[in-house]
Amino acid sequence: MKININYPNSALISIIENPEQMITLDANFLIAPDRRPLTKNGVGFERFREIWLDPIFSAFPNLAIHEAVYEELVGISSKNYVDSKIDSLPPKIIIHKDASLTKIERYLRDTIEAKIAPYTKYEPFLDNKDDRGEVKSLSYIAAKGLLYFAANDSNVIQLVEKSEEWSTGLDNVQVIKMYELIYYLYRNNLTDKAGLKKLYKYQYYLTEREKTTNPSWEDFSSNMENLYKSYFK
């Protein structure tokens, strides 16, 4: 995935200024990354929980996932973790359920889903698993008028950022990338900084190709600071 540090993301600015807004998460925010065989090792769930999940849930009090994403959670650790957050009092994350949509919202959802699907591997008629969580999430939040979807998938990000060009119906949705929230946690001293640096390198600076297209951690953190430092209190 290519990192963009050429201009600020208005969605991240808004979250910096008000982190209590609702953010809907894609599955890849909740599942420990595993880039084998590109490298010998994955990221263990407990380490991922320590440096990423726990800080994210502490920093942002209004998180959500769509029910289709919940069904995608791979491995007992990720699912048990999310279940514990659902069962917290008050809940630390909510589930978007299609049953909550009004008749008009269902029509909007179906219309947007049909526009999104051709750019993905999901086929609404078949209701197959490929890209299902992303399509269901985006069409739901667009129908509900929610703003923010957090993702670490370049195809999903394009659905939002090219919404006008591709006529996906996602014009009012904004995407927040994982690397932007890595910076947010780092900037606010919300977790182990060395761990975040390693997570960044694992996700975005692992292969030779990534090292030619993406910034090093030092360049990334410096450029992000230049873009966003004025928005932190």
C-alpha atoms as a PDB file:
ATOM      1  CA  MET A   1       0.000   0.000   0.000  1.00  0.00           C
ATOM      2  CA  LYS A   2       1.361   3.399  -0.991  1.00  0.00           C
ATOM      3  CA  ILE A   3       1.505   6.118   1.635  1.00  0.00           C
ATOM      4  CA  ASN A   4       0.414   9.659   0.826  1.00  0.00           C
ATOM      5  CA  ILE A   5       2.097  12.393   2.833  1.00  0.00           C
ATOM      6  CA  ASN A   6       1.778  15.134   0.222  1.00  0.00           C
ATOM      7  CA  TYR A   7      -1.286  16.831   1.681  1.00  0.00           C
ATOM      8  CA  PRO A   8      -3.347  16.621   4.881  1.00  0.00           C
ATOM      9  CA  ASN A   9      -6.395  14.388   5.214  1.00  0.00           C
ATOM     10  CA  SER A  10      -9.383  16.443   6.369  1.00  0.00           C
ATOM     11  CA  ALA A  11     -10.816  13.353   8.079  1.00  0.00           C
ATOM     12  CA  LEU A  12      -7.737  12.967  10.272  1.00  0.00           C
ATOM     13  CA  ILE A  13      -7.804  16.679  11.083  1.00  0.00           C
ATOM     14  CA  SER A  14     -11.413  16.365  12.189  1.00  0.00           C
ATOM     15  CA  ILE A  15     -10.587  13.339  14.369  1.00  0.00           C
ATOM     16  CA  ILE A  16      -7.599  15.142  15.900  1.00  0.00           C
ATOM     17  CA  GLU A  17      -9.867  18.026  16.837  1.00  0.00           C
ATOM     18  CA  ASN A  18     -12.686  15.778  18.070  1.00  0.00           C
ATOM     19  CA  PRO A  19     -11.732  12.133  18.702  1.00  0.00           C
ATOM     20  CA  GLU A  20     -15.201  11.341  20.076  1.00  0.00           C
ATOM     21  CA  GLN A  21     -16.756  11.102  16.607  1.00  0.00           C
ATOM     22  CA  MET A  22     -17.891   7.693  15.387  1.00  0.00           C
ATOM     23  CA  ILE A  23     -15.333   5.739  13.379  1.00  0.00           C
ATOM     24  CA  THR A  24     -16.360   2.543  11.609  1.00  0.00           C
ATOM     25  CA  LEU A  25     -13.510   0.035  11.354  1.00  0.00           C
ATOM     26  CA  ASP A  26     -12.601  -2.430   8.651  1.00  0.00           C
ATOM     27  CA  ALA A  27     -11.525  -5.935   9.683  1.00  0.00           C
ATOM     28  CA  ASN A  28      -7.851  -5.275   9.012  1.00  0.00           C
ATOM     29  CA  PHE A  29      -7.794  -2.801  11.910  1.00  0.00           C
ATOM     30  CA  LEU A  30      -8.681  -5.644  14.284  1.00  0.00           C
ATOM     31  CA  ILE A  31      -6.684  -8.611  12.980  1.00  0.00           C
ATOM     32  CA  ALA A  32      -2.954  -8.882  13.680  1.00  0.00           C
ATOM     33  CA  PRO A  33      -1.093  -8.460  10.367  1.00  0.00           C
ATOM     34  CA  ASP A  34       0.702 -11.435   8.871  1.00  0.00           C
ATOM     35  CA  ARG A  35       2.763 -10.757   5.754  1.00  0.00           C
ATOM     36  CA  ARG A  36       4.368 -14.158   5.475  1.00  0.00           C
ATOM     37  CA  PRO A  37       5.966 -15.398   3.223  1.00  0.00           C
ATOM     38  CA  LEU A  38       7.344 -11.899   2.521  1.00  0.00           C
ATOM     39  CA  THR A  39       8.912 -12.172   5.953  1.00  0.00           C
ATOM     40  CA  LYS A  40       9.502 -15.043   8.351  1.00  0.00           C
ATOM     41  CA  ASN A  41       7.258 -13.739  11.098  1.00  0.00           C
ATOM     42  CA  GLY A  42       3.775 -12.394  11.614  1.00  0.00           C
ATOM     43  CA  VAL A  43       2.794 -10.011  14.397  1.00  0.00           C
ATOM     44  CA  GLY A  44       1.574 -11.911  17.447  1.00  0.00           C
ATOM     45  CA  PHE A  45      -1.895 -11.011  18.644  1.00  0.00           C
ATOM     46  CA  GLU A  46      -0.831 -10.075  22.180  1.00  0.00           C
ATOM     47  CA  ARG A  47       1.800  -7.669  20.885  1.00  0.00           C
ATOM     48  CA  PHE A  48      -0.691  -6.247  18.375  1.00  0.00           C
ATOM     49  CA  ARG A  49      -3.198  -5.781  21.185  1.00  0.00           C
ATOM     50  CA  GLU A  50      -0.629  -4.029  23.345  1.00  0.00           C
ATOM     51  CA  ILE A  51       0.726  -1.554  20.810  1.00  0.00           C
ATOM     52  CA  TRP A  52      -2.363  -1.069  18.623  1.00  0.00           C
ATOM     53  CA  LEU A  53      -5.757  -2.363  19.736  1.00  0.00           C
ATOM     54  CA  ASP A  54      -5.765  -1.255  23.374  1.00  0.00           C
ATOM     55  CA  PRO A  55      -4.513   2.273  22.519  1.00  0.00           C
ATOM     56  CA  ILE A  56      -7.049   2.640  19.678  1.00  0.00           C
ATOM     57  CA  PHE A  57      -9.928   1.671  21.948  1.00  0.00           C
ATOM     58  CA  SER A  58      -8.651   4.041  24.634  1.00  0.00           C
ATOM     59  CA  ALA A  59      -8.196   6.961  22.238  1.00  0.00           C
ATOM     60  CA  PHE A  60     -11.528   6.702  20.424  1.00  0.00           C
ATOM     61  CA  PRO A  61     -14.676   6.096  22.503  1.00  0.00           C
ATOM     62  CA  ASN A  62     -17.134   5.695  19.601  1.00  0.00           C
ATOM     63  CA  LEU A  63     -15.961   2.813  17.444  1.00  0.00           C
ATOM     64  CA  ALA A  64     -18.139   0.564  15.307  1.00  0.00           C
ATOM     65  CA  ILE A  65     -17.968  -2.341  12.877  1.00  0.00           C
ATOM     66  CA  HIS A  66     -20.562  -3.638  10.467  1.00  0.00           C
ATOM     67  CA  GLU A  67     -22.019  -7.055  11.219  1.00  0.00           C
ATOM     68  CA  ALA A  68     -20.464  -8.394   7.997  1.00  0.00           C
ATOM     69  CA  VAL A  69     -17.020  -7.371   9.249  1.00  0.00           C
ATOM     70  CA  TYR A  70     -17.685  -8.987  12.615  1.00  0.00           C
ATOM     71  CA  GLU A  71     -18.367 -12.230  10.755  1.00  0.00           C
ATOM     72  CA  GLU A  72     -14.972 -11.894   9.027  1.00  0.00           C
ATOM     73  CA  LEU A  73     -12.919 -11.798  12.206  1.00  0.00           C
ATOM     74  CA  VAL A  74     -10.309 -14.497  11.820  1.00  0.00           C
ATOM     75  CA  GLY A  75      -8.951 -16.398  14.801  1.00  0.00           C
ATOM     76  CA  ILE A  76     -10.341 -16.771  18.255  1.00  0.00           C
ATOM     77  CA  SER A  77      -8.159 -13.995  19.701  1.00  0.00           C
ATOM     78  CA  SER A  78      -9.536 -11.181  17.520  1.00  0.00           C
ATOM     79  CA  LYS A  79     -13.130 -12.286  17.929  1.00  0.00           C
ATOM     80  CA  ASN A  80     -12.821 -12.723  21.688  1.00  0.00           C
ATOM     81  CA  TYR A  81     -11.216  -9.297  21.959  1.00  0.00           C
ATOM     82  CA  VAL A  82     -14.040  -7.605  20.059  1.00  0.00           C
ATOM     83  CA  ASP A  83     -16.641  -9.568  22.019  1.00  0.00           C
ATOM     84  CA  SER A  84     -15.123  -8.272  25.256  1.00  0.00           C
ATOM     85  CA  LYS A  85     -15.439  -4.704  23.966  1.00  0.00           C
ATOM     86  CA  ILE A  86     -19.042  -5.274  22.893  1.00  0.00           C
ATOM     87  CA  ASP A  87     -19.876  -6.665  26.332  1.00  0.00           C
ATOM     88  CA  SER A  88     -18.206  -3.804  28.232  1.00  0.00           C
ATOM     89  CA  LEU A  89     -20.412  -1.416  30.196  1.00  0.00           C
ATOM     90  CA  PRO A  90     -20.768   0.891  28.411  1.00  0.00           C
ATOM     91  CA  PRO A  91     -19.865  -0.914  25.149  1.00  0.00           C
ATOM     92  CA  LYS A  92     -16.488   0.078  23.676  1.00  0.00           C
ATOM     93  CA  ILE A  93     -17.644  -0.806  20.156  1.00  0.00           C
ATOM     94  CA  ILE A  94     -21.046  -1.191  18.519  1.00  0.00           C
ATOM     95  CA  ILE A  95     -22.217  -3.393  15.659  1.00  0.00           C
ATOM     96  CA  HIS A  96     -23.894  -1.777  12.656  1.00  0.00           C
ATOM     97  CA  LYS A  97     -26.831  -4.035  11.772  1.00  0.00           C
ATOM     98  CA  ASP A  98     -28.695  -3.821   8.482  1.00  0.00           C
ATOM     99  CA  ALA A  99     -31.918  -4.566  10.345  1.00  0.00           C
ATOM    100  CA  SER A 100     -31.685  -1.074  11.849  1.00  0.00           C
ATOM    101  CA  LEU A 101     -32.005   0.594   8.438  1.00  0.00           C
ATOM    102  CA  THR A 102     -35.260   2.314   7.578  1.00  0.00           C
ATOM    103  CA  LYS A 103     -37.018   1.548   4.296  1.00  0.00           C
ATOM    104  CA  ILE A 104     -35.471   4.625   2.664  1.00  0.00           C
ATOM    105  CA  GLU A 105     -32.034   3.801   4.086  1.00  0.00           C
ATOM    106  CA  ARG A 106     -32.296   0.240   2.756  1.00  0.00           C
ATOM    107  CA  TYR A 107     -33.039   1.615  -0.694  1.00  0.00           C
ATOM    108  CA  LEU A 108     -30.017   3.913  -0.460  1.00  0.00           C
ATOM    109  CA  ARG A 109     -27.870   1.060   0.829  1.00  0.00           C
ATOM    110  CA  ASP A 110     -28.875  -1.218  -2.039  1.00  0.00           C
ATOM    111  CA  THR A 111     -28.301   1.532  -4.610  1.00  0.00           C
ATOM    112  CA  ILE A 112     -24.836   2.364  -3.274  1.00  0.00           C
ATOM    113  CA  GLU A 113     -23.922  -1.303  -2.921  1.00  0.00           C
ATOM    114  CA  ALA A 114     -24.742  -1.846  -6.599  1.00  0.00           C
ATOM    115  CA  LYS A 115     -22.485   1.082  -7.532  1.00  0.00           C
ATOM    116  CA  ILE A 116     -19.588  -0.120  -5.395  1.00  0.00           C
ATOM    117  CA  ALA A 117     -19.683  -3.818  -6.272  1.00  0.00           C
ATOM    118  CA  PRO A 118     -18.298  -3.587  -9.852  1.00  0.00           C
ATOM    119  CA  TYR A 119     -15.034  -2.212  -8.426  1.00  0.00           C
ATOM    120  CA  THR A 120     -14.694  -5.144  -6.007  1.00  0.00           C
ATOM    121  CA  LYS A 121     -14.867  -8.942  -5.990  1.00  0.00           C
ATOM    122  CA  TYR A 122     -18.238  -8.852  -4.249  1.00  0.00           C
ATOM    123  CA  GLU A 123     -21.383  -9.858  -6.164  1.00  0.00           C
ATOM    124  CA  PRO A 124     -24.572  -8.805  -4.331  1.00  0.00           C
ATOM    125  CA  PHE A 125     -26.693 -11.468  -6.052  1.00  0.00           C
ATOM    126  CA  LEU A 126     -24.347 -14.229  -4.882  1.00  0.00           C
ATOM    127  CA  ASP A 127     -23.558 -12.541  -1.549  1.00  0.00           C
ATOM    128  CA  ASN A 128     -20.075 -14.079  -1.701  1.00  0.00           C
ATOM    129  CA  LYS A 129     -17.462 -13.432   0.977  1.00  0.00           C
ATOM    130  CA  ASP A 130     -14.883 -11.609  -1.173  1.00  0.00           C
ATOM    131  CA  ASP A 131     -14.842  -7.909  -0.184  1.00  0.00           C
ATOM    132  CA  ARG A 132     -18.260  -8.373   1.431  1.00  0.00           C
ATOM    133  CA  GLY A 133     -17.357  -6.649   4.690  1.00  0.00           C
ATOM    134  CA  GLU A 134     -15.982  -3.565   2.977  1.00  0.00           C
ATOM    135  CA  VAL A 135     -18.930  -3.202   0.590  1.00  0.00           C
ATOM    136  CA  LYS A 136     -21.495  -3.727   3.346  1.00  0.00           C
ATOM    137  CA  SER A 137     -19.700  -1.295   5.662  1.00  0.00           C
ATOM    138  CA  LEU A 138     -19.365   1.487   3.119  1.00  0.00           C
ATOM    139  CA  SER A 139     -22.913   1.215   1.801  1.00  0.00           C
ATOM    140  CA  TYR A 140     -24.290   1.143   5.358  1.00  0.00           C
ATOM    141  CA  ILE A 141     -22.426   4.194   6.624  1.00  0.00           C
ATOM    142  CA  ALA A 142     -23.242   6.108   3.429  1.00  0.00           C
ATOM    143  CA  ALA A 143     -26.952   5.302   3.825  1.00  0.00           C
ATOM    144  CA  LYS A 144     -26.843   6.311   7.493  1.00  0.00           C
ATOM    145  CA  GLY A 145     -24.969   9.539   6.800  1.00  0.00           C
ATOM    146  CA  LEU A 146     -21.982   8.505   8.908  1.00  0.00           C
ATOM    147  CA  LEU A 147     -18.666  10.038   7.964  1.00  0.00           C
ATOM    148  CA  TYR A 148     -15.594   7.983   8.796  1.00  0.00           C
ATOM    149  CA  PHE A 149     -14.365   4.578   7.677  1.00  0.00           C
ATOM    150  CA  ALA A 150     -10.952   3.403   8.867  1.00  0.00           C
ATOM    151  CA  ALA A 151      -9.203   1.015   6.492  1.00  0.00           C
ATOM    152  CA  ASN A 152      -5.837  -0.371   5.451  1.00  0.00           C
ATOM    153  CA  ASP A 153      -6.794  -1.624   1.992  1.00  0.00           C
ATOM    154  CA  SER A 154      -5.828   0.406  -1.058  1.00  0.00           C
ATOM    155  CA  ASN A 155      -8.840  -0.807  -3.065  1.00  0.00           C
ATOM    156  CA  VAL A 156     -11.258   0.266  -0.340  1.00  0.00           C
ATOM    157  CA  ILE A 157      -9.546   3.624  -0.011  1.00  0.00           C
ATOM    158  CA  GLN A 158      -9.926   4.205  -3.759  1.00  0.00           C
ATOM    159  CA  LEU A 159     -13.677   3.540  -3.563  1.00  0.00           C
ATOM    160  CA  VAL A 160     -13.927   6.571  -1.299  1.00  0.00           C
ATOM    161  CA  GLU A 161     -11.253   8.829  -2.734  1.00  0.00           C
ATOM    162  CA  LYS A 162     -12.429   8.259  -6.330  1.00  0.00           C
ATOM    163  CA  SER A 163     -16.120   8.370  -5.461  1.00  0.00           C
ATOM    164  CA  GLU A 164     -16.865  11.220  -7.857  1.00  0.00           C
ATOM    165  CA  GLU A 165     -14.851   9.763 -10.743  1.00  0.00           C
ATOM    166  CA  TRP A 166     -16.262   6.258 -10.273  1.00  0.00           C
ATOM    167  CA  SER A 167     -19.768   7.360  -9.196  1.00  0.00           C
ATOM    168  CA  THR A 168     -19.734   5.067  -6.169  1.00  0.00           C
ATOM    169  CA  GLY A 169     -22.182   7.166  -4.157  1.00  0.00           C
ATOM    170  CA  LEU A 170     -19.628   7.591  -1.368  1.00  0.00           C
ATOM    171  CA  ASP A 171     -19.112  11.321  -1.837  1.00  0.00           C
ATOM    172  CA  ASN A 172     -19.874  12.109   1.807  1.00  0.00           C
ATOM    173  CA  VAL A 173     -17.794   9.283   3.299  1.00  0.00           C
ATOM    174  CA  GLN A 174     -14.206   9.965   4.350  1.00  0.00           C
ATOM    175  CA  VAL A 175     -11.496   7.375   4.871  1.00  0.00           C
ATOM    176  CA  ILE A 176      -8.883   7.293   7.626  1.00  0.00           C
ATOM    177  CA  LYS A 177      -5.822   5.150   6.937  1.00  0.00           C
ATOM    178  CA  MET A 178      -4.091   2.917   9.441  1.00  0.00           C
ATOM    179  CA  TYR A 179      -0.786   4.742   9.041  1.00  0.00           C
ATOM    180  CA  GLU A 180      -2.514   8.013   9.953  1.00  0.00           C
ATOM    181  CA  LEU A 181      -3.673   6.549  13.246  1.00  0.00           C
ATOM    182  CA  ILE A 182      -0.210   5.087  13.852  1.00  0.00           C
ATOM    183  CA  TYR A 183       0.999   8.683  13.681  1.00  0.00           C
ATOM    184  CA  TYR A 184      -1.877   9.857  15.911  1.00  0.00           C
ATOM    185  CA  LEU A 185      -0.989   7.352  18.634  1.00  0.00           C
ATOM    186  CA  TYR A 186       2.711   8.181  18.304  1.00  0.00           C
ATOM    187  CA  ARG A 187       2.134  11.934  18.422  1.00  0.00           C
ATOM    188  CA  ASN A 188      -0.035  11.669  21.538  1.00  0.00           C
ATOM    189  CA  ASN A 189       2.286   9.249  23.355  1.00  0.00           C
ATOM    190  CA  LEU A 190      -0.544   6.743  23.704  1.00  0.00           C
ATOM    191  CA  THR A 191       1.499   3.564  23.347  1.00  0.00           C
ATOM    192  CA  ASP A 192       4.992   2.136  22.988  1.00  0.00           C
ATOM    193  CA  LYS A 193       6.660   4.292  20.344  1.00  0.00           C
ATOM    194  CA  ALA A 194       9.225   1.667  19.408  1.00  0.00           C
ATOM    195  CA  GLY A 195       6.392  -0.792  18.844  1.00  0.00           C
ATOM    196  CA  LEU A 196       4.543   1.649  16.583  1.00  0.00           C
ATOM    197  CA  LYS A 197       7.700   2.219  14.583  1.00  0.00           C
ATOM    198  CA  LYS A 198       8.056  -1.538  14.059  1.00  0.00           C
ATOM    199  CA  LEU A 199       4.374  -1.834  13.118  1.00  0.00           C
ATOM    200  CA  TYR A 200       4.787   0.922  10.526  1.00  0.00           C
ATOM    201  CA  LYS A 201       7.815  -0.782   9.025  1.00  0.00           C
ATOM    202  CA  TYR A 202       6.052  -4.155   8.967  1.00  0.00           C
ATOM    203  CA  GLN A 203       2.986  -2.758   7.233  1.00  0.00           C
ATOM    204  CA  TYR A 204       4.508  -0.246   4.829  1.00  0.00           C
ATOM    205  CA  TYR A 205       8.296  -0.550   4.621  1.00  0.00           C
ATOM    206  CA  LEU A 206       8.993  -4.270   4.374  1.00  0.00           C
ATOM    207  CA  THR A 207       9.659  -5.115   0.725  1.00  0.00           C
ATOM    208  CA  GLU A 208      12.168  -3.575  -1.650  1.00  0.00           C
ATOM    209  CA  ARG A 209       9.295  -2.121  -3.662  1.00  0.00           C
ATOM    210  CA  GLU A 210       7.827  -0.475  -0.564  1.00  0.00           C
ATOM    211  CA  LYS A 211      11.213   0.967   0.313  1.00  0.00           C
ATOM    212  CA  THR A 212      11.313   2.708  -3.069  1.00  0.00           C
ATOM    213  CA  THR A 213       7.736   4.051  -2.944  1.00  0.00           C
ATOM    214  CA  ASN A 214       7.053   4.697   0.753  1.00  0.00           C
ATOM    215  CA  PRO A 215       8.907   6.982   3.165  1.00  0.00           C
ATOM    216  CA  SER A 216      11.164   5.638   5.879  1.00  0.00           C
ATOM    217  CA  TRP A 217       9.834   5.971   9.420  1.00  0.00           C
ATOM    218  CA  GLU A 218      11.959   9.070   9.965  1.00  0.00           C
ATOM    219  CA  ASP A 219      10.649  10.774   6.822  1.00  0.00           C
ATOM    220  CA  PHE A 220       7.101   9.618   7.503  1.00  0.00           C
ATOM    221  CA  SER A 221       6.964  10.931  11.069  1.00  0.00           C
ATOM    222  CA  SER A 222       8.657  14.197  10.107  1.00  0.00           C
ATOM    223  CA  ASN A 223       6.318  14.878   7.180  1.00  0.00           C
ATOM    224  CA  MET A 224       3.223  13.923   9.158  1.00  0.00           C
ATOM    225  CA  GLU A 225       4.287  16.299  11.908  1.00  0.00           C
ATOM    226  CA  ASN A 226       4.663  19.112   9.394  1.00  0.00           C
ATOM    227  CA  LEU A 227       1.188  18.399   8.010  1.00  0.00           C
ATOM    228  CA  TYR A 228      -0.704  18.062  11.299  1.00  0.00           C
ATOM    229  CA  LYS A 229       1.166  19.649  14.202  1.00  0.00           C
ATOM    230  CA  SER A 230      -0.905  22.836  14.092  1.00  0.00           C
ATOM    231  CA  TYR A 231      -4.123  20.871  14.728  1.00  0.00           C
ATOM    232  CA  PHE A 232      -3.044  19.344  18.030  1.00  0.00           C
ATOM    233  CA  LYS A 233      -3.908  21.301  21.141  1.00  0.00           C
END
